[in-house]
Amino acid sequence: MGEPHHQCCGFKRSLSNKRRSHHYSPLPPLGRPRPKNGTIPAPKIMLYGELANGTRPRGAPKLRYKDQLKRTLALTNIDPYSWEQTARDRATWR
């Protein structure tokens, strides 16, 4: 007589086919994948912890790395235009 059939969605399917077709895996979560235990690895927290709390003035464009570097050098009293030459002169910065 053969394998028993089941009427599903207007199509005749064998029971083994029905069992396979109705075992869908759930959709993956949106965003970045998280570890199974739900915690964030410690090195990632140490590396990116400050970035998560940083703010920028409302309406101001995001700064490029180069612009941020120039601003940081100026805040530490290092000339942003001659710092490479100063860095090459080891006797000066030692």
PDB file of N, CA and C in Angstrom:
ATOM      1  N   MET A   1       0.819  -1.181   0.000  1.00  0.00           N
ATOM      2  CA  MET A   1       0.000   0.000   0.000  1.00  0.00           C
ATOM      3  C   MET A   1       0.872   1.258   0.000  1.00  0.00           C
ATOM      4  N   GLY A   2       2.090   1.166   0.478  1.00  0.00           N
ATOM      5  CA  GLY A   2       3.000   2.302   0.441  1.00  0.00           C
ATOM      6  C   GLY A   2       2.946   3.126   1.715  1.00  0.00           C
ATOM      7  N   GLU A   3       3.605   4.244   1.663  1.00  0.00           N
ATOM      8  CA  GLU A   3       3.697   5.123   2.823  1.00  0.00           C
ATOM      9  C   GLU A   3       2.408   5.940   2.972  1.00  0.00           C
ATOM     10  N   PRO A   4       1.908   6.165   4.221  1.00  0.00           N
ATOM     11  CA  PRO A   4       0.694   6.961   4.398  1.00  0.00           C
ATOM     12  C   PRO A   4       0.929   8.412   3.970  1.00  0.00           C
ATOM     13  N   HIS A   5      -0.145   9.062   3.495  1.00  0.00           N
ATOM     14  CA  HIS A   5      -0.034  10.436   3.013  1.00  0.00           C
ATOM     15  C   HIS A   5      -0.782  11.387   3.932  1.00  0.00           C
ATOM     16  N   HIS A   6      -0.426  12.657   3.864  1.00  0.00           N
ATOM     17  CA  HIS A   6      -1.058  13.688   4.681  1.00  0.00           C
ATOM     18  C   HIS A   6      -1.356  14.877   3.784  1.00  0.00           C
ATOM     19  N   GLN A   7      -2.564  15.433   3.902  1.00  0.00           N
ATOM     20  CA  GLN A   7      -2.940  16.598   3.105  1.00  0.00           C
ATOM     21  C   GLN A   7      -2.459  17.861   3.835  1.00  0.00           C
ATOM     22  N   CYS A   8      -1.543  18.612   3.234  1.00  0.00           N
ATOM     23  CA  CYS A   8      -0.998  19.816   3.871  1.00  0.00           C
ATOM     24  C   CYS A   8      -0.815  20.888   2.807  1.00  0.00           C
ATOM     25  N   CYS A   9      -1.361  22.061   3.006  1.00  0.00           N
ATOM     26  CA  CYS A   9      -1.187  23.198   2.099  1.00  0.00           C
ATOM     27  C   CYS A   9      -1.658  22.872   0.687  1.00  0.00           C
ATOM     28  N   GLY A  10      -2.627  21.986   0.561  1.00  0.00           N
ATOM     29  CA  GLY A  10      -3.157  21.643  -0.750  1.00  0.00           C
ATOM     30  C   GLY A  10      -2.321  20.629  -1.510  1.00  0.00           C
ATOM     31  N   PHE A  11      -1.261  20.111  -0.929  1.00  0.00           N
ATOM     32  CA  PHE A  11      -0.417  19.133  -1.601  1.00  0.00           C
ATOM     33  C   PHE A  11      -0.411  17.849  -0.810  1.00  0.00           C
ATOM     34  N   LYS A  12      -0.317  16.750  -1.522  1.00  0.00           N
ATOM     35  CA  LYS A  12      -0.172  15.465  -0.844  1.00  0.00           C
ATOM     36  C   LYS A  12       1.301  15.265  -0.542  1.00  0.00           C
ATOM     37  N   ARG A  13       1.598  14.996   0.697  1.00  0.00           N
ATOM     38  CA  ARG A  13       2.986  14.744   1.083  1.00  0.00           C
ATOM     39  C   ARG A  13       3.036  13.467   1.890  1.00  0.00           C
ATOM     40  N   SER A  14       4.125  12.785   1.756  1.00  0.00           N
ATOM     41  CA  SER A  14       4.284  11.601   2.587  1.00  0.00           C
ATOM     42  C   SER A  14       4.590  12.069   4.005  1.00  0.00           C
ATOM     43  N   LEU A  15       4.329  11.247   4.996  1.00  0.00           N
ATOM     44  CA  LEU A  15       4.558  11.634   6.385  1.00  0.00           C
ATOM     45  C   LEU A  15       6.025  11.955   6.644  1.00  0.00           C
ATOM     46  N   SER A  16       6.915  11.182   6.022  1.00  0.00           N
ATOM     47  CA  SER A  16       8.332  11.460   6.244  1.00  0.00           C
ATOM     48  C   SER A  16       8.703  12.824   5.662  1.00  0.00           C
ATOM     49  N   ASN A  17       8.120  13.188   4.514  1.00  0.00           N
ATOM     50  CA  ASN A  17       8.348  14.499   3.924  1.00  0.00           C
ATOM     51  C   ASN A  17       7.764  15.597   4.807  1.00  0.00           C
ATOM     52  N   LYS A  18       6.573  15.347   5.347  1.00  0.00           N
ATOM     53  CA  LYS A  18       5.912  16.325   6.219  1.00  0.00           C
ATOM     54  C   LYS A  18       6.754  16.575   7.460  1.00  0.00           C
ATOM     55  N   ARG A  19       7.274  15.520   8.034  1.00  0.00           N
ATOM     56  CA  ARG A  19       8.084  15.679   9.244  1.00  0.00           C
ATOM     57  C   ARG A  19       9.323  16.524   8.957  1.00  0.00           C
ATOM     58  N   ARG A  20       9.929  16.275   7.810  1.00  0.00           N
ATOM     59  CA  ARG A  20      11.117  17.045   7.453  1.00  0.00           C
ATOM     60  C   ARG A  20      10.779  18.503   7.153  1.00  0.00           C
ATOM     61  N   SER A  21       9.661  18.741   6.466  1.00  0.00           N
ATOM     62  CA  SER A  21       9.347  20.097   6.032  1.00  0.00           C
ATOM     63  C   SER A  21       8.858  20.981   7.171  1.00  0.00           C
ATOM     64  N   HIS A  22       8.381  20.409   8.265  1.00  0.00           N
ATOM     65  CA  HIS A  22       7.860  21.214   9.359  1.00  0.00           C
ATOM     66  C   HIS A  22       8.870  21.405  10.488  1.00  0.00           C
ATOM     67  N   HIS A  23      10.092  21.010  10.284  1.00  0.00           N
ATOM     68  CA  HIS A  23      11.130  21.203  11.299  1.00  0.00           C
ATOM     69  C   HIS A  23      12.041  22.344  10.864  1.00  0.00           C
ATOM     70  N   TYR A  24      11.484  23.543  10.873  1.00  0.00           N
ATOM     71  CA  TYR A  24      12.273  24.709  10.506  1.00  0.00           C
ATOM     72  C   TYR A  24      13.074  25.178  11.711  1.00  0.00           C
ATOM     73  N   SER A  25      14.269  25.642  11.451  1.00  0.00           N
ATOM     74  CA  SER A  25      15.054  26.196  12.559  1.00  0.00           C
ATOM     75  C   SER A  25      14.628  27.647  12.748  1.00  0.00           C
ATOM     76  N   PRO A  26      14.688  28.166  13.964  1.00  0.00           N
ATOM     77  CA  PRO A  26      14.297  29.558  14.187  1.00  0.00           C
ATOM     78  C   PRO A  26      15.265  30.504  13.489  1.00  0.00           C
ATOM     79  N   LEU A  27      14.795  31.693  13.182  1.00  0.00           N
ATOM     80  CA  LEU A  27      15.648  32.684  12.529  1.00  0.00           C
ATOM     81  C   LEU A  27      16.762  33.117  13.472  1.00  0.00           C
ATOM     82  N   PRO A  28      17.934  33.406  12.940  1.00  0.00           N
ATOM     83  CA  PRO A  28      19.021  33.869  13.810  1.00  0.00           C
ATOM     84  C   PRO A  28      18.694  35.256  14.352  1.00  0.00           C
ATOM     85  N   PRO A  29      19.227  35.619  15.518  1.00  0.00           N
ATOM     86  CA  PRO A  29      18.942  36.935  16.087  1.00  0.00           C
ATOM     87  C   PRO A  29      19.570  38.029  15.239  1.00  0.00           C
ATOM     88  N   LEU A  30      18.950  39.184  15.239  1.00  0.00           N
ATOM     89  CA  LEU A  30      19.493  40.312  14.489  1.00  0.00           C
ATOM     90  C   LEU A  30      20.662  40.914  15.253  1.00  0.00           C
ATOM     91  N   GLY A  31      21.556  41.537  14.541  1.00  0.00           N
ATOM     92  CA  GLY A  31      22.704  42.170  15.191  1.00  0.00           C
ATOM     93  C   GLY A  31      23.890  41.226  15.253  1.00  0.00           C
ATOM     94  N   ARG A  32      24.819  41.562  16.134  1.00  0.00           N
ATOM     95  CA  ARG A  32      26.030  40.756  16.253  1.00  0.00           C
ATOM     96  C   ARG A  32      25.734  39.477  17.015  1.00  0.00           C
ATOM     97  N   PRO A  33      26.385  38.382  16.644  1.00  0.00           N
ATOM     98  CA  PRO A  33      26.181  37.142  17.396  1.00  0.00           C
ATOM     99  C   PRO A  33      26.772  37.255  18.796  1.00  0.00           C
ATOM    100  N   ARG A  34      26.086  36.712  19.745  1.00  0.00           N
ATOM    101  CA  ARG A  34      26.541  36.719  21.136  1.00  0.00           C
ATOM    102  C   ARG A  34      26.980  35.315  21.519  1.00  0.00           C
ATOM    103  N   PRO A  35      27.898  35.204  22.465  1.00  0.00           N
ATOM    104  CA  PRO A  35      28.274  33.874  22.949  1.00  0.00           C
ATOM    105  C   PRO A  35      27.064  33.190  23.577  1.00  0.00           C
ATOM    106  N   LYS A  36      27.109  31.869  23.623  1.00  0.00           N
ATOM    107  CA  LYS A  36      25.968  31.106  24.128  1.00  0.00           C
ATOM    108  C   LYS A  36      25.631  31.428  25.574  1.00  0.00           C
ATOM    109  N   ASN A  37      26.625  31.772  26.381  1.00  0.00           N
ATOM    110  CA  ASN A  37      26.331  32.057  27.781  1.00  0.00           C
ATOM    111  C   ASN A  37      25.858  33.496  27.993  1.00  0.00           C
ATOM    112  N   GLY A  38      25.806  34.311  26.931  1.00  0.00           N
ATOM    113  CA  GLY A  38      25.255  35.656  27.017  1.00  0.00           C
ATOM    114  C   GLY A  38      26.209  36.727  27.507  1.00  0.00           C
ATOM    115  N   THR A  39      27.453  36.386  27.781  1.00  0.00           N
ATOM    116  CA  THR A  39      28.404  37.386  28.261  1.00  0.00           C
ATOM    117  C   THR A  39      29.313  37.826  27.129  1.00  0.00           C
ATOM    118  N   ILE A  40      29.888  38.991  27.282  1.00  0.00           N
ATOM    119  CA  ILE A  40      30.834  39.503  26.300  1.00  0.00           C
ATOM    120  C   ILE A  40      32.233  39.165  26.799  1.00  0.00           C
ATOM    121  N   PRO A  41      33.115  38.648  25.928  1.00  0.00           N
ATOM    122  CA  PRO A  41      34.471  38.300  26.363  1.00  0.00           C
ATOM    123  C   PRO A  41      35.205  39.509  26.946  1.00  0.00           C
ATOM    124  N   ALA A  42      36.019  39.272  27.966  1.00  0.00           N
ATOM    125  CA  ALA A  42      36.732  40.338  28.676  1.00  0.00           C
ATOM    126  C   ALA A  42      37.641  41.159  27.758  1.00  0.00           C
ATOM    127  N   PRO A  43      38.416  40.549  26.843  1.00  0.00           N
ATOM    128  CA  PRO A  43      39.276  41.378  25.989  1.00  0.00           C
ATOM    129  C   PRO A  43      38.477  42.374  25.154  1.00  0.00           C
ATOM    130  N   LYS A  44      37.302  41.976  24.695  1.00  0.00           N
ATOM    131  CA  LYS A  44      36.496  42.878  23.887  1.00  0.00           C
ATOM    132  C   LYS A  44      35.992  44.045  24.731  1.00  0.00           C
ATOM    133  N   ILE A  45      35.654  43.779  25.988  1.00  0.00           N
ATOM    134  CA  ILE A  45      35.211  44.848  26.881  1.00  0.00           C
ATOM    135  C   ILE A  45      36.359  45.818  27.118  1.00  0.00           C
ATOM    136  N   MET A  46      37.565  45.286  27.313  1.00  0.00           N
ATOM    137  CA  MET A  46      38.714  46.148  27.571  1.00  0.00           C
ATOM    138  C   MET A  46      39.044  46.995  26.346  1.00  0.00           C
ATOM    139  N   LEU A  47      38.941  46.420  25.149  1.00  0.00           N
ATOM    140  CA  LEU A  47      39.295  47.153  23.941  1.00  0.00           C
ATOM    141  C   LEU A  47      38.242  48.180  23.546  1.00  0.00           C
ATOM    142  N   TYR A  48      36.972  47.804  23.658  1.00  0.00           N
ATOM    143  CA  TYR A  48      35.910  48.663  23.154  1.00  0.00           C
ATOM    144  C   TYR A  48      35.085  49.322  24.251  1.00  0.00           C
ATOM    145  N   GLY A  49      35.457  49.158  25.504  1.00  0.00           N
ATOM    146  CA  GLY A  49      34.674  49.707  26.601  1.00  0.00           C
ATOM    147  C   GLY A  49      34.545  51.216  26.553  1.00  0.00           C
ATOM    148  N   GLU A  50      35.634  51.910  26.247  1.00  0.00           N
ATOM    149  CA  GLU A  50      35.590  53.364  26.209  1.00  0.00           C
ATOM    150  C   GLU A  50      34.799  53.861  25.011  1.00  0.00           C
ATOM    151  N   LEU A  51      34.818  53.107  23.927  1.00  0.00           N
ATOM    152  CA  LEU A  51      34.097  53.536  22.736  1.00  0.00           C
ATOM    153  C   LEU A  51      32.595  53.530  22.954  1.00  0.00           C
ATOM    154  N   ALA A  52      32.114  52.625  23.788  1.00  0.00           N
ATOM    155  CA  ALA A  52      30.680  52.532  24.019  1.00  0.00           C
ATOM    156  C   ALA A  52      30.161  53.731  24.794  1.00  0.00           C
ATOM    157  N   ASN A  53      31.004  54.368  25.600  1.00  0.00           N
ATOM    158  CA  ASN A  53      30.561  55.475  26.441  1.00  0.00           C
ATOM    159  C   ASN A  53      30.883  56.842  25.853  1.00  0.00           C
ATOM    160  N   GLY A  54      31.610  56.899  24.769  1.00  0.00           N
ATOM    161  CA  GLY A  54      32.009  58.175  24.196  1.00  0.00           C
ATOM    162  C   GLY A  54      30.826  58.925  23.606  1.00  0.00           C
ATOM    163  N   THR A  55      30.916  60.239  23.610  1.00  0.00           N
ATOM    164  CA  THR A  55      29.867  61.056  23.018  1.00  0.00           C
ATOM    165  C   THR A  55      30.505  62.053  22.079  1.00  0.00           C
ATOM    166  N   ARG A  56      29.722  62.555  21.165  1.00  0.00           N
ATOM    167  CA  ARG A  56      30.178  63.616  20.287  1.00  0.00           C
ATOM    168  C   ARG A  56      29.121  64.707  20.315  1.00  0.00           C
ATOM    169  N   PRO A  57      29.521  65.923  20.051  1.00  0.00           N
ATOM    170  CA  PRO A  57      28.552  67.013  20.088  1.00  0.00           C
ATOM    171  C   PRO A  57      27.394  66.757  19.121  1.00  0.00           C
ATOM    172  N   ARG A  58      26.216  67.098  19.550  1.00  0.00           N
ATOM    173  CA  ARG A  58      25.032  66.869  18.724  1.00  0.00           C
ATOM    174  C   ARG A  58      25.148  67.680  17.434  1.00  0.00           C
ATOM    175  N   GLY A  59      24.914  67.035  16.328  1.00  0.00           N
ATOM    176  CA  GLY A  59      24.964  67.696  15.040  1.00  0.00           C
ATOM    177  C   GLY A  59      26.351  67.796  14.438  1.00  0.00           C
ATOM    178  N   ALA A  60      27.379  67.472  15.195  1.00  0.00           N
ATOM    179  CA  ALA A  60      28.742  67.542  14.664  1.00  0.00           C
ATOM    180  C   ALA A  60      29.027  66.286  13.846  1.00  0.00           C
ATOM    181  N   PRO A  61      29.759  66.414  12.758  1.00  0.00           N
ATOM    182  CA  PRO A  61      30.086  65.227  11.971  1.00  0.00           C
ATOM    183  C   PRO A  61      31.086  64.341  12.706  1.00  0.00           C
ATOM    184  N   LYS A  62      31.059  63.067  12.383  1.00  0.00           N
ATOM    185  CA  LYS A  62      32.028  62.146  12.971  1.00  0.00           C
ATOM    186  C   LYS A  62      33.411  62.496  12.433  1.00  0.00           C
ATOM    187  N   LEU A  63      34.387  62.494  13.327  1.00  0.00           N
ATOM    188  CA  LEU A  63      35.744  62.857  12.927  1.00  0.00           C
ATOM    189  C   LEU A  63      36.471  61.658  12.345  1.00  0.00           C
ATOM    190  N   ARG A  64      37.323  61.935  11.363  1.00  0.00           N
ATOM    191  CA  ARG A  64      38.183  60.893  10.831  1.00  0.00           C
ATOM    192  C   ARG A  64      39.273  60.598  11.843  1.00  0.00           C
ATOM    193  N   TYR A  65      39.917  59.445  11.700  1.00  0.00           N
ATOM    194  CA  TYR A  65      41.001  59.058  12.608  1.00  0.00           C
ATOM    195  C   TYR A  65      42.107  60.111  12.578  1.00  0.00           C
ATOM    196  N   LYS A  66      42.414  60.590  11.391  1.00  0.00           N
ATOM    197  CA  LYS A  66      43.484  61.579  11.228  1.00  0.00           C
ATOM    198  C   LYS A  66      43.149  62.872  11.982  1.00  0.00           C
ATOM    199  N   ASP A  67      41.902  63.322  11.888  1.00  0.00           N
ATOM    200  CA  ASP A  67      41.493  64.541  12.591  1.00  0.00           C
ATOM    201  C   ASP A  67      41.542  64.349  14.101  1.00  0.00           C
ATOM    202  N   GLN A  68      41.102  63.191  14.561  1.00  0.00           N
ATOM    203  CA  GLN A  68      41.122  62.907  15.994  1.00  0.00           C
ATOM    204  C   GLN A  68      42.566  62.846  16.508  1.00  0.00           C
ATOM    205  N   LEU A  69      43.456  62.270  15.705  1.00  0.00           N
ATOM    206  CA  LEU A  69      44.868  62.191  16.085  1.00  0.00           C
ATOM    207  C   LEU A  69      45.475  63.586  16.209  1.00  0.00           C
ATOM    208  N   LYS A  70      45.173  64.465  15.251  1.00  0.00           N
ATOM    209  CA  LYS A  70      45.686  65.838  15.317  1.00  0.00           C
ATOM    210  C   LYS A  70      45.182  66.547  16.567  1.00  0.00           C
ATOM    211  N   ARG A  71      43.910  66.351  16.898  1.00  0.00           N
ATOM    212  CA  ARG A  71      43.338  66.990  18.087  1.00  0.00           C
ATOM    213  C   ARG A  71      44.017  66.478  19.358  1.00  0.00           C
ATOM    214  N   THR A  72      44.251  65.167  19.430  1.00  0.00           N
ATOM    215  CA  THR A  72      44.896  64.581  20.606  1.00  0.00           C
ATOM    216  C   THR A  72      46.331  65.071  20.744  1.00  0.00           C
ATOM    217  N   LEU A  73      47.050  65.145  19.633  1.00  0.00           N
ATOM    218  CA  LEU A  73      48.425  65.649  19.674  1.00  0.00           C
ATOM    219  C   LEU A  73      48.460  67.099  20.144  1.00  0.00           C
ATOM    220  N   ALA A  74      47.531  67.912  19.679  1.00  0.00           N
ATOM    221  CA  ALA A  74      47.490  69.315  20.094  1.00  0.00           C
ATOM    222  C   ALA A  74      47.179  69.432  21.583  1.00  0.00           C
ATOM    223  N   LEU A  75      46.308  68.576  22.099  1.00  0.00           N
ATOM    224  CA  LEU A  75      45.971  68.605  23.527  1.00  0.00           C
ATOM    225  C   LEU A  75      47.153  68.212  24.407  1.00  0.00           C
ATOM    226  N   THR A  76      48.056  67.407  23.886  1.00  0.00           N
ATOM    227  CA  THR A  76      49.221  66.963  24.659  1.00  0.00           C
ATOM    228  C   THR A  76      50.470  67.795  24.345  1.00  0.00           C
ATOM    229  N   ASN A  77      50.255  68.966  23.742  1.00  0.00           N
ATOM    230  CA  ASN A  77      51.333  69.914  23.415  1.00  0.00           C
ATOM    231  C   ASN A  77      52.383  69.321  22.481  1.00  0.00           C
ATOM    232  N   ILE A  78      51.950  68.518  21.550  1.00  0.00           N
ATOM    233  CA  ILE A  78      52.840  67.980  20.515  1.00  0.00           C
ATOM    234  C   ILE A  78      52.404  68.610  19.201  1.00  0.00           C
ATOM    235  N   ASP A  79      53.358  69.176  18.469  1.00  0.00           N
ATOM    236  CA  ASP A  79      53.027  69.815  17.197  1.00  0.00           C
ATOM    237  C   ASP A  79      52.513  68.759  16.214  1.00  0.00           C
ATOM    238  N   PRO A  80      51.264  68.881  15.761  1.00  0.00           N
ATOM    239  CA  PRO A  80      50.705  67.854  14.883  1.00  0.00           C
ATOM    240  C   PRO A  80      51.370  67.785  13.512  1.00  0.00           C
ATOM    241  N   TYR A  81      52.140  68.817  13.152  1.00  0.00           N
ATOM    242  CA  TYR A  81      52.751  68.824  11.833  1.00  0.00           C
ATOM    243  C   TYR A  81      54.190  68.321  11.837  1.00  0.00           C
ATOM    244  N   SER A  82      54.830  68.298  13.010  1.00  0.00           N
ATOM    245  CA  SER A  82      56.223  67.838  13.046  1.00  0.00           C
ATOM    246  C   SER A  82      56.419  66.656  13.996  1.00  0.00           C
ATOM    247  N   TRP A  83      55.350  66.010  14.406  1.00  0.00           N
ATOM    248  CA  TRP A  83      55.481  64.927  15.382  1.00  0.00           C
ATOM    249  C   TRP A  83      56.209  63.721  14.798  1.00  0.00           C
ATOM    250  N   GLU A  84      56.086  63.497  13.501  1.00  0.00           N
ATOM    251  CA  GLU A  84      56.776  62.345  12.902  1.00  0.00           C
ATOM    252  C   GLU A  84      58.287  62.539  12.976  1.00  0.00           C
ATOM    253  N   GLN A  85      58.731  63.750  12.702  1.00  0.00           N
ATOM    254  CA  GLN A  85      60.162  64.042  12.772  1.00  0.00           C
ATOM    255  C   GLN A  85      60.649  63.912  14.214  1.00  0.00           C
ATOM    256  N   THR A  86      59.854  64.396  15.165  1.00  0.00           N
ATOM    257  CA  THR A  86      60.209  64.293  16.583  1.00  0.00           C
ATOM    258  C   THR A  86      60.267  62.835  17.016  1.00  0.00           C
ATOM    259  N   ALA A  87      59.358  62.027  16.530  1.00  0.00           N
ATOM    260  CA  ALA A  87      59.330  60.605  16.895  1.00  0.00           C
ATOM    261  C   ALA A  87      60.544  59.868  16.340  1.00  0.00           C
ATOM    262  N   ARG A  88      61.034  60.298  15.188  1.00  0.00           N
ATOM    263  CA  ARG A  88      62.214  59.644  14.605  1.00  0.00           C
ATOM    264  C   ARG A  88      63.485  59.958  15.391  1.00  0.00           C
ATOM    265  N   ASP A  89      63.524  61.116  16.057  1.00  0.00           N
ATOM    266  CA  ASP A  89      64.700  61.537  16.815  1.00  0.00           C
ATOM    267  C   ASP A  89      64.615  60.939  18.223  1.00  0.00           C
ATOM    268  N   ARG A  90      65.158  59.737  18.400  1.00  0.00           N
ATOM    269  CA  ARG A  90      65.041  59.011  19.669  1.00  0.00           C
ATOM    270  C   ARG A  90      65.700  59.739  20.832  1.00  0.00           C
ATOM    271  N   ALA A  91      66.768  60.446  20.570  1.00  0.00           N
ATOM    272  CA  ALA A  91      67.475  61.146  21.653  1.00  0.00           C
ATOM    273  C   ALA A  91      66.587  62.216  22.282  1.00  0.00           C
ATOM    274  N   THR A  92      65.713  62.835  21.493  1.00  0.00           N
ATOM    275  CA  THR A  92      64.837  63.893  22.003  1.00  0.00           C
ATOM    276  C   THR A  92      63.755  63.338  22.920  1.00  0.00           C
ATOM    277  N   TRP A  93      63.125  62.270  22.513  1.00  0.00           N
ATOM    278  CA  TRP A  93      61.986  61.791  23.311  1.00  0.00           C
ATOM    279  C   TRP A  93      62.357  60.789  24.378  1.00  0.00           C
ATOM    280  N   ARG A  94      63.615  60.400  24.483  1.00  0.00           N
ATOM    281  CA  ARG A  94      64.029  59.467  25.534  1.00  0.00           C
ATOM    282  C   ARG A  94      64.159  60.177  26.781  1.00  0.00           C
TER     283      ARG A  94
END
